[in-house]
Amino acid sequence: SKGIEIPYPHLTVYAGQDKEGKAPAFPLQQLTESREAAPTL
């Protein structure tokens, strides 16, 4: 749409929902090392 800008380099990923509004798990795997260590949950 015209006039809409995203001011930072982010990537949005939307996996969708089923007809009941539930979203499946979205497994991600980091393939490269990050510059800063992320906290482990």
C-alpha atoms as a PDB file:
ATOM      1  CA  SER A   1       0.000   0.000   0.000  1.00  0.00           C
ATOM      2  CA  LYS A   2       1.231   3.516  -0.709  1.00  0.00           C
ATOM      3  CA  GLY A   3       2.705   5.492   2.147  1.00  0.00           C
ATOM      4  CA  ILE A   4       3.353   2.501   4.406  1.00  0.00           C
ATOM      5  CA  GLU A   5       7.000   2.004   5.323  1.00  0.00           C
ATOM      6  CA  ILE A   6       8.692  -0.475   7.641  1.00  0.00           C
ATOM      7  CA  PRO A   7      11.524   1.529   9.262  1.00  0.00           C
ATOM      8  CA  TYR A   8      13.707  -1.457  10.205  1.00  0.00           C
ATOM      9  CA  PRO A   9      14.747  -4.644   8.410  1.00  0.00           C
ATOM     10  CA  HIS A  10      12.328  -7.179   9.881  1.00  0.00           C
ATOM     11  CA  LEU A  11      10.825 -10.212   8.246  1.00  0.00           C
ATOM     12  CA  THR A  12       7.286 -11.172   9.220  1.00  0.00           C
ATOM     13  CA  VAL A  13       6.313 -14.824   8.880  1.00  0.00           C
ATOM     14  CA  TYR A  14       2.661 -15.797   9.236  1.00  0.00           C
ATOM     15  CA  ALA A  15       1.954 -19.530   9.383  1.00  0.00           C
ATOM     16  CA  GLY A  16      -1.824 -19.119   9.319  1.00  0.00           C
ATOM     17  CA  GLN A  17      -4.655 -20.625  11.347  1.00  0.00           C
ATOM     18  CA  ASP A  18      -7.106 -23.448  10.838  1.00  0.00           C
ATOM     19  CA  LYS A  19     -10.883 -22.918  10.678  1.00  0.00           C
ATOM     20  CA  GLU A  20     -11.086 -23.087  14.490  1.00  0.00           C
ATOM     21  CA  GLY A  21      -8.557 -20.269  14.892  1.00  0.00           C
ATOM     22  CA  LYS A  22      -5.764 -22.518  16.126  1.00  0.00           C
ATOM     23  CA  ALA A  23      -2.238 -22.169  14.794  1.00  0.00           C
ATOM     24  CA  PRO A  24       0.122 -25.141  14.593  1.00  0.00           C
ATOM     25  CA  ALA A  25       3.556 -25.083  16.179  1.00  0.00           C
ATOM     26  CA  PHE A  26       6.069 -23.255  14.018  1.00  0.00           C
ATOM     27  CA  PRO A  27       9.466 -24.916  14.518  1.00  0.00           C
ATOM     28  CA  LEU A  28      12.461 -22.729  13.715  1.00  0.00           C
ATOM     29  CA  GLN A  29      16.134 -23.577  13.557  1.00  0.00           C
ATOM     30  CA  GLN A  30      18.959 -21.045  13.682  1.00  0.00           C
ATOM     31  CA  LEU A  31      21.484 -21.937  10.979  1.00  0.00           C
ATOM     32  CA  THR A  32      24.155 -19.358  11.796  1.00  0.00           C
ATOM     33  CA  GLU A  33      25.575 -18.086  15.059  1.00  0.00           C
ATOM     34  CA  SER A  34      24.173 -14.811  16.315  1.00  0.00           C
ATOM     35  CA  ARG A  35      26.447 -11.951  17.345  1.00  0.00           C
ATOM     36  CA  GLU A  36      25.038 -11.933  20.876  1.00  0.00           C
ATOM     37  CA  ALA A  37      24.027 -14.957  22.892  1.00  0.00           C
ATOM     38  CA  ALA A  38      20.279 -15.208  23.368  1.00  0.00           C
ATOM     39  CA  PRO A  39      18.961 -16.230  26.800  1.00  0.00           C
ATOM     40  CA  THR A  40      17.927 -19.874  27.079  1.00  0.00           C
ATOM     41  CA  LEU A  41      14.304 -20.361  28.074  1.00  0.00           C
END
